[in-house]
Amino acid sequence: MKNGAPRFVWYELVTTDPEAAAGFYRTVLGWEAKPFEASPVPYLVLEAAGQGVAGIMALPEEAQAGGMPPGWLGYVGVPDVDAATEALRGAGGSVHKPPQDIPSVGRFSVVADPQGAVFMLFTPASADGPKPNGGMPAVAWHELHSTDWQKAFDFYAGQFGWAKHEAMDMGPMGTYQIFGEQGGEAMGGMMTNPMMPRPHWLFYASVDDIDAAQKRLTDQGGAVLHGPQPVPGEAWIIQARDPQGAMFAIVGPRA
């Protein structure tokens, strides 16, 4: 990283049927699932090209009873989870789960920005812990759907040093603000989206052919919510929902 700014380093699906979800993403994205034996609860690691990029675990019954739907969450890597969690709280964010250890893996907390979008903070136990994907990233884009993107950006910029890149005018939908490293590469975008039921992060997985991926997605019981839509860089995107109800997105060229 050019300026050492924190980035998303891991992704996690909490769902009602982990095995079925693993089969879905294996077919649609080519991600292979392997059990993580060191976990105290059943946990599947998803690998892309032999590299671990995400995990799947069961949505706890109490969370289901409380109305929490299946969904994808992202981990932002920070040097010190405890310090970052307290800084976030002081800046108006909320802490859903205070810092705790994952034996031999690292330390994490579950937090939310002031508008309510949930994510995790993570510090690996060693230099061999999860790192941002390089080259052809398995997860290529990180998109925040917020109730107020300007306030959300100020929050994340204050916490992680993220900088504004290009701002795209989406007409009635307002501004789509691309963000990333100061003087470096873009990581994703932020927008105000009142049509979403709640603020959240949406993660875009890379595919080789958007149309072939769409067919695999629908053949396996997933639903297309939006797209295919062209985006800059000669790519296309699809926003979708998996068979258990978790939202995700894909991005790639049209063959």
Protein backbone atom coordinates (compact mmCIF):
# COMPACT_ATOMS: atom_id res chain seq x y z
CA MET A 1 0.00 0.00 0.00
CA LYS A 2 1.35 3.38 -1.00
CA ASN A 3 0.38 5.25 2.13
CA GLY A 4 -0.33 2.38 4.49
CA ALA A 5 -4.04 3.22 4.68
CA PRO A 6 -6.18 0.48 6.23
CA ARG A 7 -8.04 -1.67 3.72
CA PHE A 8 -10.54 -4.51 3.67
CA VAL A 9 -8.56 -7.70 4.24
CA TRP A 10 -11.24 -10.36 4.76
CA TYR A 11 -14.90 -11.02 4.00
CA GLU A 12 -17.38 -13.16 5.91
CA LEU A 13 -20.79 -14.54 5.05
CA VAL A 14 -23.16 -15.31 7.93
CA THR A 15 -25.99 -17.41 6.57
CA THR A 16 -28.72 -19.90 7.39
CA ASP A 17 -27.15 -22.75 5.38
CA PRO A 18 -23.33 -22.55 5.17
CA GLU A 19 -22.90 -25.75 3.13
CA ALA A 20 -25.47 -24.73 0.53
CA ALA A 21 -23.96 -21.23 0.35
CA ALA A 22 -20.49 -22.72 -0.14
CA GLY A 23 -21.78 -24.77 -3.07
CA PHE A 24 -23.42 -21.71 -4.60
CA TYR A 25 -20.29 -19.54 -4.48
CA ARG A 26 -18.12 -22.45 -5.65
CA THR A 27 -20.25 -22.77 -8.78
CA VAL A 28 -20.78 -19.05 -9.42
CA LEU A 29 -17.33 -17.68 -8.52
CA GLY A 30 -15.08 -20.73 -8.49
CA TRP A 31 -14.22 -20.22 -4.79
CA GLU A 32 -13.42 -23.50 -3.05
CA ALA A 33 -14.55 -24.10 0.55
CA LYS A 34 -12.36 -25.78 3.16
CA PRO A 35 -13.13 -26.32 6.86
CA PHE A 36 -11.09 -24.23 9.29
CA GLU A 37 -10.34 -26.81 11.94
CA ALA A 38 -8.96 -24.35 14.50
CA SER A 39 -12.29 -22.53 14.81
CA PRO A 40 -14.36 -23.21 17.97
CA VAL A 41 -17.49 -23.11 15.78
CA PRO A 42 -17.97 -24.60 12.30
CA TYR A 43 -16.27 -22.27 9.82
CA LEU A 44 -15.55 -22.63 6.12
CA VAL A 45 -12.71 -20.75 4.41
CA LEU A 46 -13.31 -19.78 0.79
CA GLU A 47 -10.22 -19.83 -1.43
CA ALA A 48 -9.69 -18.17 -4.80
CA ALA A 49 -6.71 -19.53 -6.75
CA GLY A 50 -5.51 -21.23 -3.56
CA GLN A 51 -5.59 -18.06 -1.46
CA GLY A 52 -8.05 -17.64 1.40
CA VAL A 53 -10.25 -14.60 0.80
CA ALA A 54 -13.42 -15.13 2.83
CA GLY A 55 -15.24 -17.29 5.34
CA ILE A 56 -18.72 -18.69 5.89
CA MET A 57 -20.37 -19.36 9.23
CA ALA A 58 -23.90 -20.06 10.45
CA LEU A 59 -26.11 -17.14 11.37
CA PRO A 60 -26.69 -17.59 15.12
CA GLU A 61 -30.24 -18.56 16.09
CA GLU A 62 -30.55 -15.57 18.42
CA ALA A 63 -29.57 -13.27 15.55
CA GLN A 64 -32.16 -14.87 13.31
CA ALA A 65 -34.78 -14.48 16.03
CA GLY A 66 -33.84 -10.82 16.28
CA GLY A 67 -34.50 -10.34 12.57
CA MET A 68 -30.91 -10.29 11.29
CA PRO A 69 -30.86 -11.52 7.68
CA PRO A 70 -28.01 -13.44 6.02
CA GLY A 71 -25.32 -11.09 4.77
CA TRP A 72 -21.72 -10.38 3.86
CA LEU A 73 -19.46 -8.43 6.22
CA GLY A 74 -15.99 -7.00 5.65
CA TYR A 75 -12.95 -6.79 7.91
CA VAL A 76 -10.77 -3.66 7.78
CA GLY A 77 -7.17 -4.36 8.79
CA VAL A 78 -5.79 -1.97 11.42
CA PRO A 79 -2.54 -1.94 13.43
CA ASP A 80 -4.33 -2.03 16.82
CA VAL A 81 -7.94 -3.21 17.09
CA ASP A 82 -8.42 -1.90 20.61
CA ALA A 83 -7.22 1.60 19.78
CA ALA A 84 -9.15 1.66 16.50
CA THR A 85 -12.35 0.54 18.22
CA GLU A 86 -12.12 3.30 20.83
CA ALA A 87 -11.33 5.89 18.16
CA LEU A 88 -14.37 4.78 16.17
CA ARG A 89 -16.60 5.02 19.24
CA GLY A 90 -15.30 8.50 19.92
CA ALA A 91 -16.10 9.57 16.35
CA GLY A 92 -19.76 8.55 16.62
CA GLY A 93 -19.56 4.93 15.52
CA SER A 94 -21.05 2.08 17.54
CA VAL A 95 -19.49 -1.10 18.92
CA HIS A 96 -21.59 -4.25 18.58
CA LYS A 97 -18.91 -6.61 19.87
CA PRO A 98 -15.83 -5.36 21.76
CA PRO A 99 -12.35 -6.54 20.78
CA GLN A 100 -11.68 -10.23 21.32
CA ASP A 101 -9.15 -12.80 20.18
CA ILE A 102 -9.42 -15.50 17.55
CA PRO A 103 -6.75 -17.94 18.79
CA SER A 104 -3.73 -18.07 16.47
CA VAL A 105 -5.51 -15.83 13.93
CA GLY A 106 -5.84 -12.33 15.36
CA ARG A 107 -8.05 -9.91 17.22
CA PHE A 108 -11.28 -8.35 15.97
CA SER A 109 -14.27 -6.21 16.90
CA VAL A 110 -17.70 -5.76 15.31
CA VAL A 111 -18.55 -2.11 14.75
CA ALA A 112 -20.75 0.23 12.71
CA ASP A 113 -20.35 3.67 11.24
CA PRO A 114 -22.60 6.53 12.48
CA GLN A 115 -25.21 5.72 9.82
CA GLY A 116 -25.36 2.07 10.91
CA ALA A 117 -23.34 0.18 8.27
CA VAL A 118 -21.72 -2.78 10.06
CA PHE A 119 -18.15 -3.94 9.48
CA MET A 120 -15.26 -5.46 11.46
CA LEU A 121 -11.87 -4.24 12.59
CA PHE A 122 -9.06 -6.78 12.52
CA THR A 123 -5.42 -7.10 13.53
CA PRO A 124 -3.67 -10.35 12.54
CA ALA A 125 -1.78 -12.33 15.16
CA SER A 126 1.30 -12.39 12.92
CA ALA A 127 2.68 -11.02 9.68
CA ASP A 128 1.24 -14.10 7.98
CA GLY A 129 -2.34 -12.98 8.67
CA PRO A 130 -4.88 -11.86 6.04
CA LYS A 131 -3.65 -9.11 3.71
CA PRO A 132 -5.26 -7.16 0.88
CA ASN A 133 -5.40 -9.20 -2.32
CA GLY A 134 -2.95 -8.13 -5.00
CA GLY A 135 -2.81 -8.57 -8.75
CA MET A 136 -6.24 -9.85 -9.78
CA PRO A 137 -8.23 -9.37 -6.57
CA ALA A 138 -11.00 -11.83 -5.79
CA VAL A 139 -12.97 -8.90 -4.35
CA ALA A 140 -12.45 -5.93 -6.64
CA TRP A 141 -14.71 -3.18 -5.27
CA HIS A 142 -16.23 -2.04 -1.98
CA GLU A 143 -19.42 0.00 -2.14
CA LEU A 144 -21.10 1.80 0.76
CA HIS A 145 -24.83 2.42 0.54
CA SER A 146 -25.52 5.09 3.15
CA THR A 147 -28.13 7.59 4.31
CA ASP A 148 -25.57 10.40 3.94
CA TRP A 149 -22.45 9.62 1.94
CA GLN A 150 -20.76 12.96 2.76
CA LYS A 151 -20.93 12.37 6.50
CA ALA A 152 -19.98 8.73 6.00
CA PHE A 153 -16.93 9.70 3.96
CA ASP A 154 -15.79 12.19 6.61
CA PHE A 155 -16.07 9.43 9.20
CA TYR A 156 -14.04 6.87 7.24
CA ALA A 157 -11.49 9.47 6.18
CA GLY A 158 -10.98 10.36 9.84
CA GLN A 159 -10.65 6.74 10.91
CA PHE A 160 -8.63 5.26 8.05
CA GLY A 161 -7.18 8.13 6.05
CA TRP A 162 -9.21 7.29 2.93
CA ALA A 163 -9.21 10.04 0.30
CA LYS A 164 -11.67 11.22 -2.31
CA HIS A 165 -10.99 10.24 -5.90
CA GLU A 166 -13.34 10.93 -8.81
CA ALA A 167 -16.94 11.98 -8.07
CA MET A 168 -19.51 10.70 -10.56
CA ASP A 169 -22.83 12.48 -11.17
CA MET A 170 -25.62 9.90 -11.23
CA GLY A 171 -28.42 12.39 -11.93
CA PRO A 172 -31.44 11.80 -9.66
CA MET A 173 -29.39 9.31 -7.66
CA GLY A 174 -26.93 12.04 -6.66
CA THR A 175 -23.17 11.68 -6.36
CA TYR A 176 -21.17 8.47 -6.47
CA GLN A 177 -17.95 9.27 -4.61
CA ILE A 178 -15.01 7.01 -5.40
CA PHE A 179 -12.51 6.67 -2.56
CA GLY A 180 -9.13 5.09 -1.99
CA GLU A 181 -5.57 5.72 -0.97
CA GLN A 182 -4.24 9.25 -1.03
CA GLY A 183 -2.41 9.40 -4.36
CA GLY A 184 -2.98 5.68 -4.86
CA GLU A 185 -5.50 3.21 -6.20
CA ALA A 186 -9.27 3.37 -5.73
CA MET A 187 -10.88 0.90 -3.32
CA GLY A 188 -14.58 1.55 -3.90
CA GLY A 189 -17.39 4.07 -3.87
CA MET A 190 -19.95 5.65 -1.56
CA MET A 191 -23.46 6.86 -2.30
CA THR A 192 -26.62 8.00 -0.57
CA ASN A 193 -29.21 5.33 -1.31
CA PRO A 194 -32.58 5.72 0.45
CA MET A 195 -33.97 2.75 -1.50
CA MET A 196 -31.91 0.29 0.52
CA PRO A 197 -33.54 -1.05 3.71
CA ARG A 198 -30.48 -0.14 5.79
CA PRO A 199 -26.97 1.25 5.29
CA HIS A 200 -24.52 -1.48 4.36
CA TRP A 201 -21.34 -2.37 2.51
CA LEU A 202 -21.74 -4.26 -0.77
CA PHE A 203 -18.77 -6.28 -2.05
CA TYR A 204 -18.04 -6.97 -5.74
CA ALA A 205 -16.36 -10.25 -6.66
CA SER A 206 -14.36 -10.46 -9.89
CA VAL A 207 -15.55 -12.75 -12.68
CA ASP A 208 -14.06 -13.48 -16.11
CA ASP A 209 -17.33 -13.17 -18.06
CA ILE A 210 -20.32 -11.29 -16.64
CA ASP A 211 -22.89 -13.08 -18.82
CA ALA A 212 -21.61 -16.57 -18.03
CA ALA A 213 -21.51 -15.67 -14.34
CA GLN A 214 -25.09 -14.38 -14.51
CA LYS A 215 -26.26 -17.67 -15.98
CA ARG A 216 -24.49 -19.66 -13.27
CA LEU A 217 -25.96 -17.35 -10.64
CA THR A 218 -29.56 -17.76 -11.78
CA ASP A 219 -29.17 -21.48 -12.55
CA GLN A 220 -28.08 -21.99 -8.92
CA GLY A 221 -31.10 -20.18 -7.47
CA GLY A 222 -29.67 -16.70 -7.04
CA ALA A 223 -31.57 -13.57 -8.08
CA VAL A 224 -30.38 -10.59 -10.13
CA LEU A 225 -31.43 -7.34 -8.44
CA HIS A 226 -29.76 -4.92 -10.84
CA GLY A 227 -27.83 -5.21 -14.09
CA PRO A 228 -25.91 -6.15 -16.07
CA GLN A 229 -24.86 -2.49 -16.19
CA PRO A 230 -21.75 -1.08 -17.86
CA VAL A 231 -19.26 0.79 -15.67
CA PRO A 232 -15.99 2.60 -16.48
CA GLY A 233 -13.08 0.37 -17.41
CA GLU A 234 -14.98 -1.72 -20.00
CA ALA A 235 -16.56 -3.74 -17.21
CA TRP A 236 -20.10 -4.72 -16.29
CA ILE A 237 -21.68 -5.17 -12.88
CA ILE A 238 -24.55 -7.20 -11.46
CA GLN A 239 -26.01 -6.75 -7.99
CA ALA A 240 -27.59 -9.96 -6.75
CA ARG A 241 -28.95 -12.02 -3.88
CA ASP A 242 -27.86 -15.57 -3.10
CA PRO A 243 -30.40 -18.35 -2.40
CA GLN A 244 -30.27 -17.71 1.37
CA GLY A 245 -30.91 -13.97 0.90
CA ALA A 246 -27.45 -12.39 1.25
CA MET A 247 -26.71 -9.50 -1.11
CA PHE A 248 -23.50 -9.53 -3.13
CA ALA A 249 -22.28 -8.23 -6.48
CA ILE A 250 -20.03 -9.28 -9.35
CA VAL A 251 -17.93 -7.29 -11.80
CA GLY A 252 -16.21 -8.36 -14.99
CA PRO A 253 -15.96 -7.97 -18.76
CA ARG A 254 -18.53 -9.01 -21.33
CA ALA A 255 -17.00 -11.64 -23.58
